[in-house]
PDB file of N, CA and C in Angstrom:
ATOM      1  N   UNK A   1      -3.326  15.453 -53.120  1.00  0.00           N
ATOM      2  CA  UNK A   1      -4.267  14.373 -52.973  1.00  0.00           C
ATOM      3  C   UNK A   1      -4.655  14.182 -51.506  1.00  0.00           C
ATOM      4  N   UNK A   2      -4.696  15.191 -50.764  1.00  0.00           N
ATOM      5  CA  UNK A   2      -5.091  15.136 -49.367  1.00  0.00           C
ATOM      6  C   UNK A   2      -6.607  15.199 -49.289  1.00  0.00           C
ATOM      7  N   UNK A   3      -7.215  14.209 -48.648  1.00  0.00           N
ATOM      8  CA  UNK A   3      -8.668  14.135 -48.548  1.00  0.00           C
ATOM      9  C   UNK A   3      -9.115  14.761 -47.238  1.00  0.00           C
ATOM     10  N   UNK A   4     -10.008  15.722 -47.290  1.00  0.00           N
ATOM     11  CA  UNK A   4     -10.510  16.388 -46.093  1.00  0.00           C
ATOM     12  C   UNK A   4     -11.965  16.008 -45.878  1.00  0.00           C
ATOM     13  N   UNK A   5     -12.266  15.650 -44.636  1.00  0.00           N
ATOM     14  CA  UNK A   5     -13.642  15.307 -44.277  1.00  0.00           C
ATOM     15  C   UNK A   5     -14.338  16.595 -43.872  1.00  0.00           C
ATOM     16  N   UNK A   6     -15.508  16.833 -44.429  1.00  0.00           N
ATOM     17  CA  UNK A   6     -16.241  18.049 -44.067  1.00  0.00           C
ATOM     18  C   UNK A   6     -16.547  18.080 -42.571  1.00  0.00           C
ATOM     19  N   UNK A   7     -16.538  19.272 -42.020  1.00  0.00           N
ATOM     20  CA  UNK A   7     -16.764  19.463 -40.586  1.00  0.00           C
ATOM     21  C   UNK A   7     -18.133  18.965 -40.152  1.00  0.00           C
ATOM     22  N   UNK A   8     -19.124  19.035 -41.010  1.00  0.00           N
ATOM     23  CA  UNK A   8     -20.464  18.570 -40.660  1.00  0.00           C
ATOM     24  C   UNK A   8     -20.506  17.061 -40.454  1.00  0.00           C
ATOM     25  N   UNK A   9     -19.650  16.332 -41.141  1.00  0.00           N
ATOM     26  CA  UNK A   9     -19.601  14.885 -40.943  1.00  0.00           C
ATOM     27  C   UNK A   9     -18.854  14.522 -39.658  1.00  0.00           C
ATOM     28  N   UNK A  10     -17.943  15.358 -39.227  1.00  0.00           N
ATOM     29  CA  UNK A  10     -17.170  15.100 -38.008  1.00  0.00           C
ATOM     30  C   UNK A  10     -17.905  15.549 -36.746  1.00  0.00           C
ATOM     31  N   UNK A  11     -18.891  16.414 -36.882  1.00  0.00           N
ATOM     32  CA  UNK A  11     -19.611  16.958 -35.741  1.00  0.00           C
ATOM     33  C   UNK A  11     -20.229  15.881 -34.852  1.00  0.00           C
ATOM     34  N   UNK A  12     -20.907  14.853 -35.368  1.00  0.00           N
ATOM     35  CA  UNK A  12     -21.455  13.813 -34.486  1.00  0.00           C
ATOM     36  C   UNK A  12     -20.373  13.059 -33.707  1.00  0.00           C
ATOM     37  N   UNK A  13     -19.215  12.874 -34.326  1.00  0.00           N
ATOM     38  CA  UNK A  13     -18.124  12.181 -33.630  1.00  0.00           C
ATOM     39  C   UNK A  13     -17.605  13.043 -32.486  1.00  0.00           C
ATOM     40  N   UNK A  14     -17.400  14.318 -32.749  1.00  0.00           N
ATOM     41  CA  UNK A  14     -16.955  15.235 -31.699  1.00  0.00           C
ATOM     42  C   UNK A  14     -17.978  15.316 -30.567  1.00  0.00           C
ATOM     43  N   UNK A  15     -19.243  15.343 -30.927  1.00  0.00           N
ATOM     44  CA  UNK A  15     -20.311  15.405 -29.931  1.00  0.00           C
ATOM     45  C   UNK A  15     -20.328  14.140 -29.072  1.00  0.00           C
ATOM     46  N   UNK A  16     -20.152  12.978 -29.690  1.00  0.00           N
ATOM     47  CA  UNK A  16     -20.125  11.713 -28.953  1.00  0.00           C
ATOM     48  C   UNK A  16     -18.941  11.669 -27.993  1.00  0.00           C
ATOM     49  N   UNK A  17     -17.792  12.148 -28.449  1.00  0.00           N
ATOM     50  CA  UNK A  17     -16.611  12.175 -27.582  1.00  0.00           C
ATOM     51  C   UNK A  17     -16.833  13.124 -26.414  1.00  0.00           C
ATOM     52  N   UNK A  18     -17.403  14.264 -26.671  1.00  0.00           N
ATOM     53  CA  UNK A  18     -17.682  15.240 -25.612  1.00  0.00           C
ATOM     54  C   UNK A  18     -18.657  14.671 -24.593  1.00  0.00           C
ATOM     55  N   UNK A  19     -19.713  14.015 -25.052  1.00  0.00           N
ATOM     56  CA  UNK A  19     -20.690  13.415 -24.139  1.00  0.00           C
ATOM     57  C   UNK A  19     -20.056  12.290 -23.316  1.00  0.00           C
ATOM     58  N   UNK A  20     -19.191  11.511 -23.920  1.00  0.00           N
ATOM     59  CA  UNK A  20     -18.508  10.448 -23.190  1.00  0.00           C
ATOM     60  C   UNK A  20     -17.613  11.030 -22.097  1.00  0.00           C
ATOM     61  N   UNK A  21     -16.925  12.105 -22.400  1.00  0.00           N
ATOM     62  CA  UNK A  21     -16.076  12.748 -21.392  1.00  0.00           C
ATOM     63  C   UNK A  21     -16.897  13.340 -20.253  1.00  0.00           C
ATOM     64  N   UNK A  22     -18.018  13.931 -20.572  1.00  0.00           N
ATOM     65  CA  UNK A  22     -18.898  14.487 -19.540  1.00  0.00           C
ATOM     66  C   UNK A  22     -19.434  13.367 -18.649  1.00  0.00           C
ATOM     67  N   UNK A  23     -19.820  12.249 -19.261  1.00  0.00           N
ATOM     68  CA  UNK A  23     -20.333  11.124 -18.480  1.00  0.00           C
ATOM     69  C   UNK A  23     -19.235  10.551 -17.578  1.00  0.00           C
ATOM     70  N   UNK A  24     -18.009  10.435 -18.072  1.00  0.00           N
ATOM     71  CA  UNK A  24     -16.901   9.955 -17.250  1.00  0.00           C
ATOM     72  C   UNK A  24     -16.629  10.901 -16.078  1.00  0.00           C
ATOM     73  N   UNK A  25     -16.715  12.189 -16.325  1.00  0.00           N
ATOM     74  CA  UNK A  25     -16.544  13.166 -15.251  1.00  0.00           C
ATOM     75  C   UNK A  25     -17.642  13.017 -14.206  1.00  0.00           C
ATOM     76  N   UNK A  26     -18.874  12.804 -14.652  1.00  0.00           N
ATOM     77  CA  UNK A  26     -20.002  12.585 -13.744  1.00  0.00           C
ATOM     78  C   UNK A  26     -19.749  11.343 -12.878  1.00  0.00           C
ATOM     79  N   UNK A  27     -19.305  10.232 -13.487  1.00  0.00           N
ATOM     80  CA  UNK A  27     -19.035   9.009 -12.731  1.00  0.00           C
ATOM     81  C   UNK A  27     -17.897   9.199 -11.736  1.00  0.00           C
ATOM     82  N   UNK A  28     -16.896   9.946 -12.129  1.00  0.00           N
ATOM     83  CA  UNK A  28     -15.774  10.228 -11.233  1.00  0.00           C
ATOM     84  C   UNK A  28     -16.220  11.029 -10.018  1.00  0.00           C
ATOM     85  N   UNK A  29     -17.020  12.035 -10.230  1.00  0.00           N
ATOM     86  CA  UNK A  29     -17.529  12.853  -9.119  1.00  0.00           C
ATOM     87  C   UNK A  29     -18.419  12.014  -8.207  1.00  0.00           C
ATOM     88  N   UNK A  30     -19.262  11.185  -8.795  1.00  0.00           N
ATOM     89  CA  UNK A  30     -20.153  10.331  -8.010  1.00  0.00           C
ATOM     90  C   UNK A  30     -19.343   9.355  -7.146  1.00  0.00           C
ATOM     91  N   UNK A  31     -18.305   8.745  -7.710  1.00  0.00           N
ATOM     92  CA  UNK A  31     -17.468   7.816  -6.957  1.00  0.00           C
ATOM     93  C   UNK A  31     -16.709   8.534  -5.845  1.00  0.00           C
ATOM     94  N   UNK A  32     -16.225   9.725  -6.125  1.00  0.00           N
ATOM     95  CA  UNK A  32     -15.499  10.497  -5.118  1.00  0.00           C
ATOM     96  C   UNK A  32     -16.398  10.871  -3.951  1.00  0.00           C
ATOM     97  N   UNK A  33     -17.627  11.270  -4.241  1.00  0.00           N
ATOM     98  CA  UNK A  33     -18.560  11.613  -3.162  1.00  0.00           C
ATOM     99  C   UNK A  33     -18.877  10.394  -2.303  1.00  0.00           C
ATOM    100  N   UNK A  34     -19.054   9.240  -2.940  1.00  0.00           N
ATOM    101  CA  UNK A  34     -19.330   8.011  -2.194  1.00  0.00           C
ATOM    102  C   UNK A  34     -18.137   7.645  -1.306  1.00  0.00           C
ATOM    103  N   UNK A  35     -16.927   7.800  -1.841  1.00  0.00           N
ATOM    104  CA  UNK A  35     -15.727   7.510  -1.076  1.00  0.00           C
ATOM    105  C   UNK A  35     -15.612   8.431   0.133  1.00  0.00           C
ATOM    106  N   UNK A  36     -15.880   9.711  -0.061  1.00  0.00           N
ATOM    107  CA  UNK A  36     -15.776  10.659   1.046  1.00  0.00           C
ATOM    108  C   UNK A  36     -16.826  10.405   2.115  1.00  0.00           C
ATOM    109  N   UNK A  37     -18.010   9.975   1.721  1.00  0.00           N
ATOM    110  CA  UNK A  37     -19.060   9.677   2.698  1.00  0.00           C
ATOM    111  C   UNK A  37     -18.742   8.432   3.516  1.00  0.00           C
ATOM    112  N   UNK A  38     -17.917   7.537   2.983  1.00  0.00           N
ATOM    113  CA  UNK A  38     -17.621   6.289   3.688  1.00  0.00           C
ATOM    114  C   UNK A  38     -16.462   6.428   4.674  1.00  0.00           C
ATOM    115  N   UNK A  39     -15.921   7.604   4.844  1.00  0.00           N
ATOM    116  CA  UNK A  39     -14.764   7.791   5.721  1.00  0.00           C
ATOM    117  C   UNK A  39     -15.047   7.361   7.172  1.00  0.00           C
ATOM    118  N   UNK A  40     -16.190   7.720   7.773  1.00  0.00           N
ATOM    119  CA  UNK A  40     -16.425   7.265   9.150  1.00  0.00           C
ATOM    120  C   UNK A  40     -16.445   5.740   9.280  1.00  0.00           C
ATOM    121  N   UNK A  41     -17.000   5.066   8.304  1.00  0.00           N
ATOM    122  CA  UNK A  41     -17.052   3.603   8.338  1.00  0.00           C
ATOM    123  C   UNK A  41     -15.641   3.033   8.234  1.00  0.00           C
ATOM    124  N   UNK A  42     -14.813   3.592   7.349  1.00  0.00           N
ATOM    125  CA  UNK A  42     -13.436   3.126   7.209  1.00  0.00           C
ATOM    126  C   UNK A  42     -12.652   3.369   8.488  1.00  0.00           C
ATOM    127  N   UNK A  43     -12.865   4.505   9.137  1.00  0.00           N
ATOM    128  CA  UNK A  43     -12.160   4.790  10.392  1.00  0.00           C
ATOM    129  C   UNK A  43     -12.572   3.809  11.482  1.00  0.00           C
ATOM    130  N   UNK A  44     -13.874   3.517  11.553  1.00  0.00           N
ATOM    131  CA  UNK A  44     -14.366   2.585  12.564  1.00  0.00           C
ATOM    132  C   UNK A  44     -13.776   1.195  12.353  1.00  0.00           C
ATOM    133  N   UNK A  45     -13.742   0.736  11.119  1.00  0.00           N
ATOM    134  CA  UNK A  45     -13.159  -0.574  10.831  1.00  0.00           C
ATOM    135  C   UNK A  45     -11.678  -0.597  11.183  1.00  0.00           C
ATOM    136  N   UNK A  46     -10.976   0.467  10.864  1.00  0.00           N
ATOM    137  CA  UNK A  46      -9.554   0.533  11.181  1.00  0.00           C
ATOM    138  C   UNK A  46      -9.329   0.517  12.695  1.00  0.00           C
ATOM    139  N   UNK A  47     -10.184   1.199  13.426  1.00  0.00           N
ATOM    140  CA  UNK A  47     -10.050   1.241  14.882  1.00  0.00           C
ATOM    141  C   UNK A  47     -10.288  -0.135  15.491  1.00  0.00           C
ATOM    142  N   UNK A  48     -11.277  -0.865  14.982  1.00  0.00           N
ATOM    143  CA  UNK A  48     -11.548  -2.213  15.491  1.00  0.00           C
ATOM    144  C   UNK A  48     -10.367  -3.122  15.208  1.00  0.00           C
ATOM    145  N   UNK A  49      -9.830  -3.044  13.989  1.00  0.00           N
ATOM    146  CA  UNK A  49      -8.682  -3.882  13.637  1.00  0.00           C
ATOM    147  C   UNK A  49      -7.486  -3.550  14.518  1.00  0.00           C
ATOM    148  N   UNK A  50      -7.246  -2.265  14.763  1.00  0.00           N
ATOM    149  CA  UNK A  50      -6.138  -1.874  15.622  1.00  0.00           C
ATOM    150  C   UNK A  50      -6.367  -2.383  17.039  1.00  0.00           C
ATOM    151  N   UNK A  51      -7.603  -2.330  17.492  1.00  0.00           N
ATOM    152  CA  UNK A  51      -7.902  -2.767  18.846  1.00  0.00           C
ATOM    153  C   UNK A  51      -7.649  -4.255  19.014  1.00  0.00           C
ATOM    154  N   UNK A  52      -8.065  -5.064  18.041  1.00  0.00           N
ATOM    155  CA  UNK A  52      -7.826  -6.500  18.125  1.00  0.00           C
ATOM    156  C   UNK A  52      -6.326  -6.773  18.107  1.00  0.00           C
ATOM    157  N   UNK A  53      -5.613  -6.084  17.246  1.00  0.00           N
ATOM    158  CA  UNK A  53      -4.165  -6.246  17.203  1.00  0.00           C
ATOM    159  C   UNK A  53      -3.512  -5.848  18.513  1.00  0.00           C
ATOM    160  N   UNK A  54      -4.009  -4.767  19.107  1.00  0.00           N
ATOM    161  CA  UNK A  54      -3.455  -4.318  20.390  1.00  0.00           C
ATOM    162  C   UNK A  54      -3.711  -5.343  21.487  1.00  0.00           C
ATOM    163  N   UNK A  55      -4.902  -5.938  21.485  1.00  0.00           N
ATOM    164  CA  UNK A  55      -5.235  -6.954  22.491  1.00  0.00           C
ATOM    165  C   UNK A  55      -4.331  -8.169  22.323  1.00  0.00           C
ATOM    166  N   UNK A  56      -4.162  -8.601  21.089  1.00  0.00           N
ATOM    167  CA  UNK A  56      -3.312  -9.768  20.827  1.00  0.00           C
ATOM    168  C   UNK A  56      -1.871  -9.484  21.253  1.00  0.00           C
ATOM    169  N   UNK A  57      -1.386  -8.315  20.896  1.00  0.00           N
ATOM    170  CA  UNK A  57      -0.010  -7.957  21.255  1.00  0.00           C
ATOM    171  C   UNK A  57       0.146  -7.841  22.772  1.00  0.00           C
ATOM    172  N   UNK A  58      -0.844  -7.252  23.433  1.00  0.00           N
ATOM    173  CA  UNK A  58      -0.783  -7.092  24.885  1.00  0.00           C
ATOM    174  C   UNK A  58      -0.673  -8.449  25.576  1.00  0.00           C
ATOM    175  N   UNK A  59      -1.491  -9.399  25.150  1.00  0.00           N
ATOM    176  CA  UNK A  59      -1.448 -10.731  25.763  1.00  0.00           C
ATOM    177  C   UNK A  59      -0.117 -11.424  25.467  1.00  0.00           C
ATOM    178  N   UNK A  60       0.400 -11.253  24.260  1.00  0.00           N
ATOM    179  CA  UNK A  60       1.694 -11.862  23.926  1.00  0.00           C
ATOM    180  C   UNK A  60       2.795 -11.297  24.813  1.00  0.00           C
ATOM    181  N   UNK A  61       2.775  -9.984  24.994  1.00  0.00           N
ATOM    182  CA  UNK A  61       3.804  -9.352  25.829  1.00  0.00           C
ATOM    183  C   UNK A  61       3.666  -9.776  27.290  1.00  0.00           C
ATOM    184  N   UNK A  62       2.421  -9.885  27.775  1.00  0.00           N
ATOM    185  CA  UNK A  62       2.214 -10.318  29.161  1.00  0.00           C
ATOM    186  C   UNK A  62       2.731 -11.733  29.386  1.00  0.00           C
ATOM    187  N   UNK A  63       2.607 -12.582  28.370  1.00  0.00           N
ATOM    188  CA  UNK A  63       3.096 -13.962  28.468  1.00  0.00           C
ATOM    189  C   UNK A  63       4.587 -14.057  28.145  1.00  0.00           C
ATOM    190  N   UNK A  64       5.208 -12.926  27.835  1.00  0.00           N
ATOM    191  CA  UNK A  64       6.625 -12.844  27.510  1.00  0.00           C
ATOM    192  C   UNK A  64       7.009 -13.810  26.385  1.00  0.00           C
ATOM    193  N   UNK A  65       6.223 -13.724  25.302  1.00  0.00           N
ATOM    194  CA  UNK A  65       6.474 -14.559  24.122  1.00  0.00           C
ATOM    195  C   UNK A  65       6.902 -13.670  22.968  1.00  0.00           C
ATOM    196  N   UNK A  66       7.697 -14.230  22.078  1.00  0.00           N
ATOM    197  CA  UNK A  66       8.072 -13.509  20.865  1.00  0.00           C
ATOM    198  C   UNK A  66       7.079 -13.846  19.761  1.00  0.00           C
ATOM    199  N   UNK A  67       7.082 -13.028  18.729  1.00  0.00           N
ATOM    200  CA  UNK A  67       6.225 -13.314  17.578  1.00  0.00           C
ATOM    201  C   UNK A  67       6.634 -14.641  16.942  1.00  0.00           C
ATOM    202  N   UNK A  68       7.910 -14.917  16.902  1.00  0.00           N
ATOM    203  CA  UNK A  68       8.388 -16.173  16.322  1.00  0.00           C
ATOM    204  C   UNK A  68       7.867 -17.372  17.101  1.00  0.00           C
ATOM    205  N   UNK A  69       7.882 -17.280  18.434  1.00  0.00           N
ATOM    206  CA  UNK A  69       7.386 -18.382  19.251  1.00  0.00           C
ATOM    207  C   UNK A  69       5.897 -18.613  19.000  1.00  0.00           C
ATOM    208  N   UNK A  70       5.136 -17.536  18.972  1.00  0.00           N
ATOM    209  CA  UNK A  70       3.693 -17.646  18.719  1.00  0.00           C
ATOM    210  C   UNK A  70       3.447 -18.252  17.337  1.00  0.00           C
ATOM    211  N   UNK A  71       4.200 -17.792  16.359  1.00  0.00           N
ATOM    212  CA  UNK A  71       4.034 -18.294  14.994  1.00  0.00           C
ATOM    213  C   UNK A  71       4.320 -19.795  14.921  1.00  0.00           C
ATOM    214  N   UNK A  72       5.402 -20.234  15.551  1.00  0.00           N
ATOM    215  CA  UNK A  72       5.732 -21.662  15.543  1.00  0.00           C
ATOM    216  C   UNK A  72       4.687 -22.476  16.279  1.00  0.00           C
ATOM    217  N   UNK A  73       4.171 -21.949  17.390  1.00  0.00           N
ATOM    218  CA  UNK A  73       3.165 -22.673  18.162  1.00  0.00           C
ATOM    219  C   UNK A  73       1.865 -22.841  17.374  1.00  0.00           C
ATOM    220  N   UNK A  74       1.542 -21.844  16.536  1.00  0.00           N
ATOM    221  CA  UNK A  74       0.288 -21.906  15.778  1.00  0.00           C
ATOM    222  C   UNK A  74       0.478 -22.504  14.385  1.00  0.00           C
ATOM    223  N   UNK A  75       1.715 -22.629  13.952  1.00  0.00           N
ATOM    224  CA  UNK A  75       1.964 -23.150  12.607  1.00  0.00           C
ATOM    225  C   UNK A  75       1.716 -22.124  11.514  1.00  0.00           C
ATOM    226  N   UNK A  76       1.979 -20.850  11.820  1.00  0.00           N
ATOM    227  CA  UNK A  76       1.844 -19.776  10.833  1.00  0.00           C
ATOM    228  C   UNK A  76       3.184 -19.042  10.748  1.00  0.00           C
ATOM    229  N   UNK A  77       3.277 -18.116   9.841  1.00  0.00           N
ATOM    230  CA  UNK A  77       4.528 -17.360   9.710  1.00  0.00           C
ATOM    231  C   UNK A  77       4.586 -16.223  10.733  1.00  0.00           C
ATOM    232  N   UNK A  78       5.799 -15.781  11.017  1.00  0.00           N
ATOM    233  CA  UNK A  78       5.967 -14.653  11.926  1.00  0.00           C
ATOM    234  C   UNK A  78       5.321 -13.411  11.331  1.00  0.00           C
ATOM    235  N   UNK A  79       5.351 -13.290   9.999  1.00  0.00           N
ATOM    236  CA  UNK A  79       4.746 -12.149   9.328  1.00  0.00           C
ATOM    237  C   UNK A  79       3.233 -12.122   9.553  1.00  0.00           C
ATOM    238  N   UNK A  80       2.615 -13.295   9.624  1.00  0.00           N
ATOM    239  CA  UNK A  80       1.169 -13.355   9.877  1.00  0.00           C
ATOM    240  C   UNK A  80       0.861 -12.803  11.267  1.00  0.00           C
ATOM    241  N   UNK A  81       1.660 -13.201  12.252  1.00  0.00           N
ATOM    242  CA  UNK A  81       1.461 -12.694  13.614  1.00  0.00           C
ATOM    243  C   UNK A  81       1.673 -11.187  13.638  1.00  0.00           C
ATOM    244  N   UNK A  82       2.686 -10.722  12.935  1.00  0.00           N
ATOM    245  CA  UNK A  82       2.950  -9.286  12.865  1.00  0.00           C
ATOM    246  C   UNK A  82       1.774  -8.539  12.239  1.00  0.00           C
ATOM    247  N   UNK A  83       1.190  -9.087  11.182  1.00  0.00           N
ATOM    248  CA  UNK A  83       0.037  -8.454  10.536  1.00  0.00           C
ATOM    249  C   UNK A  83      -1.165  -8.410  11.471  1.00  0.00           C
ATOM    250  N   UNK A  84      -1.363  -9.475  12.252  1.00  0.00           N
ATOM    251  CA  UNK A  84      -2.477  -9.472  13.204  1.00  0.00           C
ATOM    252  C   UNK A  84      -2.280  -8.362  14.233  1.00  0.00           C
ATOM    253  N   UNK A  85      -1.072  -8.239  14.742  1.00  0.00           N
ATOM    254  CA  UNK A  85      -0.808  -7.253  15.789  1.00  0.00           C
ATOM    255  C   UNK A  85      -0.835  -5.819  15.257  1.00  0.00           C
ATOM    256  N   UNK A  86      -0.462  -5.629  14.014  1.00  0.00           N
ATOM    257  CA  UNK A  86      -0.473  -4.276  13.453  1.00  0.00           C
ATOM    258  C   UNK A  86      -1.847  -3.875  12.944  1.00  0.00           C
ATOM    259  N   UNK A  87      -2.751  -4.851  12.826  1.00  0.00           N
ATOM    260  CA  UNK A  87      -4.087  -4.551  12.334  1.00  0.00           C
ATOM    261  C   UNK A  87      -4.197  -4.633  10.822  1.00  0.00           C
ATOM    262  N   UNK A  88      -3.132  -5.078  10.138  1.00  0.00           N
ATOM    263  CA  UNK A  88      -3.185  -5.199   8.684  1.00  0.00           C
ATOM    264  C   UNK A  88      -4.125  -6.324   8.266  1.00  0.00           C
ATOM    265  N   UNK A  89      -4.282  -7.336   9.123  1.00  0.00           N
ATOM    266  CA  UNK A  89      -5.237  -8.416   8.868  1.00  0.00           C
ATOM    267  C   UNK A  89      -5.697  -8.964  10.215  1.00  0.00           C
ATOM    268  N   UNK A  90      -6.736  -9.772  10.170  1.00  0.00           N
ATOM    269  CA  UNK A  90      -7.268 -10.385  11.384  1.00  0.00           C
ATOM    270  C   UNK A  90      -7.030 -11.886  11.336  1.00  0.00           C
ATOM    271  N   UNK A  91      -6.801 -12.511  12.482  1.00  0.00           N
ATOM    272  CA  UNK A  91      -6.629 -13.962  12.483  1.00  0.00           C
ATOM    273  C   UNK A  91      -7.957 -14.660  12.175  1.00  0.00           C
ATOM    274  N   UNK A  92      -7.854 -15.837  11.592  1.00  0.00           N
ATOM    275  CA  UNK A  92      -9.066 -16.621  11.345  1.00  0.00           C
ATOM    276  C   UNK A  92      -9.637 -17.059  12.693  1.00  0.00           C
ATOM    277  N   UNK A  93     -10.831 -17.586  12.654  1.00  0.00           N
ATOM    278  CA  UNK A  93     -11.482 -18.028  13.893  1.00  0.00           C
ATOM    279  C   UNK A  93     -10.667 -19.110  14.576  1.00  0.00           C
ATOM    280  N   UNK A  94     -10.160 -20.064  13.801  1.00  0.00           N
ATOM    281  CA  UNK A  94      -9.363 -21.140  14.404  1.00  0.00           C
ATOM    282  C   UNK A  94      -8.051 -20.599  14.979  1.00  0.00           C
ATOM    283  N   UNK A  95      -7.432 -19.648  14.274  1.00  0.00           N
ATOM    284  CA  UNK A  95      -6.193 -19.054  14.804  1.00  0.00           C
ATOM    285  C   UNK A  95      -6.466 -18.209  16.047  1.00  0.00           C
ATOM    286  N   UNK A  96      -7.604 -17.536  16.078  1.00  0.00           N
ATOM    287  CA  UNK A  96      -7.953 -16.748  17.265  1.00  0.00           C
ATOM    288  C   UNK A  96      -8.156 -17.671  18.466  1.00  0.00           C
ATOM    289  N   UNK A  97      -8.818 -18.797  18.235  1.00  0.00           N
ATOM    290  CA  UNK A  97      -9.011 -19.768  19.322  1.00  0.00           C
ATOM    291  C   UNK A  97      -7.666 -20.332  19.787  1.00  0.00           C
ATOM    292  N   UNK A  98      -6.770 -20.608  18.836  1.00  0.00           N
ATOM    293  CA  UNK A  98      -5.449 -21.124  19.196  1.00  0.00           C
ATOM    294  C   UNK A  98      -4.636 -20.074  19.952  1.00  0.00           C
ATOM    295  N   UNK A  99      -4.749 -18.812  19.538  1.00  0.00           N
ATOM    296  CA  UNK A  99      -4.071 -17.732  20.263  1.00  0.00           C
ATOM    297  C   UNK A  99      -4.569 -17.649  21.692  1.00  0.00           C
ATOM    298  N   UNK A 100      -5.880 -17.696  21.847  1.00  0.00           N
ATOM    299  CA  UNK A 100      -6.463 -17.610  23.185  1.00  0.00           C
ATOM    300  C   UNK A 100      -5.967 -18.753  24.067  1.00  0.00           C
ATOM    301  N   UNK A 101      -5.943 -19.947  23.509  1.00  0.00           N
ATOM    302  CA  UNK A 101      -5.474 -21.112  24.280  1.00  0.00           C
ATOM    303  C   UNK A 101      -3.999 -20.939  24.657  1.00  0.00           C
ATOM    304  N   UNK A 102      -3.202 -20.444  23.718  1.00  0.00           N
ATOM    305  CA  UNK A 102      -1.779 -20.219  23.976  1.00  0.00           C
ATOM    306  C   UNK A 102      -1.576 -19.176  25.074  1.00  0.00           C
ATOM    307  N   UNK A 103      -2.424 -18.164  25.091  1.00  0.00           N
ATOM    308  CA  UNK A 103      -2.312 -17.084  26.078  1.00  0.00           C
ATOM    309  C   UNK A 103      -3.035 -17.401  27.385  1.00  0.00           C
ATOM    310  N   UNK A 104      -3.674 -18.561  27.464  1.00  0.00           N
ATOM    311  CA  UNK A 104      -4.347 -18.964  28.696  1.00  0.00           C
ATOM    312  C   UNK A 104      -5.655 -18.234  28.938  1.00  0.00           C
ATOM    313  N   UNK A 105      -6.370 -17.924  27.876  1.00  0.00           N
ATOM    314  CA  UNK A 105      -7.664 -17.249  27.997  1.00  0.00           C
ATOM    315  C   UNK A 105      -8.595 -17.849  26.945  1.00  0.00           C
ATOM    316  N   UNK A 106      -9.751 -17.252  26.763  1.00  0.00           N
ATOM    317  CA  UNK A 106     -10.693 -17.733  25.748  1.00  0.00           C
ATOM    318  C   UNK A 106     -10.784 -16.712  24.624  1.00  0.00           C
ATOM    319  N   UNK A 107     -11.247 -17.182  23.478  1.00  0.00           N
ATOM    320  CA  UNK A 107     -11.439 -16.274  22.347  1.00  0.00           C
ATOM    321  C   UNK A 107     -12.487 -15.223  22.685  1.00  0.00           C
ATOM    322  N   UNK A 108     -13.509 -15.627  23.420  1.00  0.00           N
ATOM    323  CA  UNK A 108     -14.556 -14.681  23.813  1.00  0.00           C
ATOM    324  C   UNK A 108     -13.980 -13.561  24.674  1.00  0.00           C
ATOM    325  N   UNK A 109     -13.053 -13.935  25.551  1.00  0.00           N
ATOM    326  CA  UNK A 109     -12.434 -12.933  26.425  1.00  0.00           C
ATOM    327  C   UNK A 109     -11.589 -11.946  25.611  1.00  0.00           C
ATOM    328  N   UNK A 110     -10.869 -12.464  24.616  1.00  0.00           N
ATOM    329  CA  UNK A 110     -10.084 -11.576  23.750  1.00  0.00           C
ATOM    330  C   UNK A 110     -10.996 -10.590  23.022  1.00  0.00           C
ATOM    331  N   UNK A 111     -12.100 -11.102  22.495  1.00  0.00           N
ATOM    332  CA  UNK A 111     -13.030 -10.239  21.761  1.00  0.00           C
ATOM    333  C   UNK A 111     -13.785  -9.293  22.689  1.00  0.00           C
ATOM    334  N   UNK A 112     -14.034  -9.733  23.912  1.00  0.00           N
ATOM    335  CA  UNK A 112     -14.724  -8.877  24.873  1.00  0.00           C
ATOM    336  C   UNK A 112     -13.880  -7.651  25.214  1.00  0.00           C
ATOM    337  N   UNK A 113     -12.573  -7.819  25.192  1.00  0.00           N
ATOM    338  CA  UNK A 113     -11.681  -6.692  25.511  1.00  0.00           C
ATOM    339  C   UNK A 113     -11.737  -5.609  24.439  1.00  0.00           C
ATOM    340  N   UNK A 114     -12.229  -5.925  23.264  1.00  0.00           N
ATOM    341  CA  UNK A 114     -12.365  -4.929  22.204  1.00  0.00           C
ATOM    342  C   UNK A 114     -13.395  -3.878  22.563  1.00  0.00           C
ATOM    343  N   UNK A 115     -14.409  -4.247  23.291  1.00  0.00           N
ATOM    344  CA  UNK A 115     -15.531  -3.352  23.573  1.00  0.00           C
ATOM    345  C   UNK A 115     -15.237  -2.374  24.711  1.00  0.00           C
ATOM    346  N   UNK A 116     -14.122  -2.559  25.400  1.00  0.00           N
ATOM    347  CA  UNK A 116     -13.814  -1.687  26.535  1.00  0.00           C
ATOM    348  C   UNK A 116     -13.397  -0.332  26.077  1.00  0.00           C
TER     349      UNK A 116
END
């Protein structure tokens, strides 16, 4: 009592599955090409983030402050300061202004050092 579906009835289903797989492959290739083309932009963004972190860290070291001291002075966690210095994230505008004030400079001066 095994019921078999004729191959002609299954052909449209197989064709639909094949077309769906081809379309998914097309989308995957398209996304990969877009990702590869964006590499220079990603590198530039990473370099800017690293530069801001380096500037922040340089000023902290010149003022002979620890990350914990800076964090307590700004009311943020030490991990936040660490992320700013490593380039994993950027400080908000208010935190950047507070950092500049703590380091005895201006936010504009900190940002100006990025362009050097």
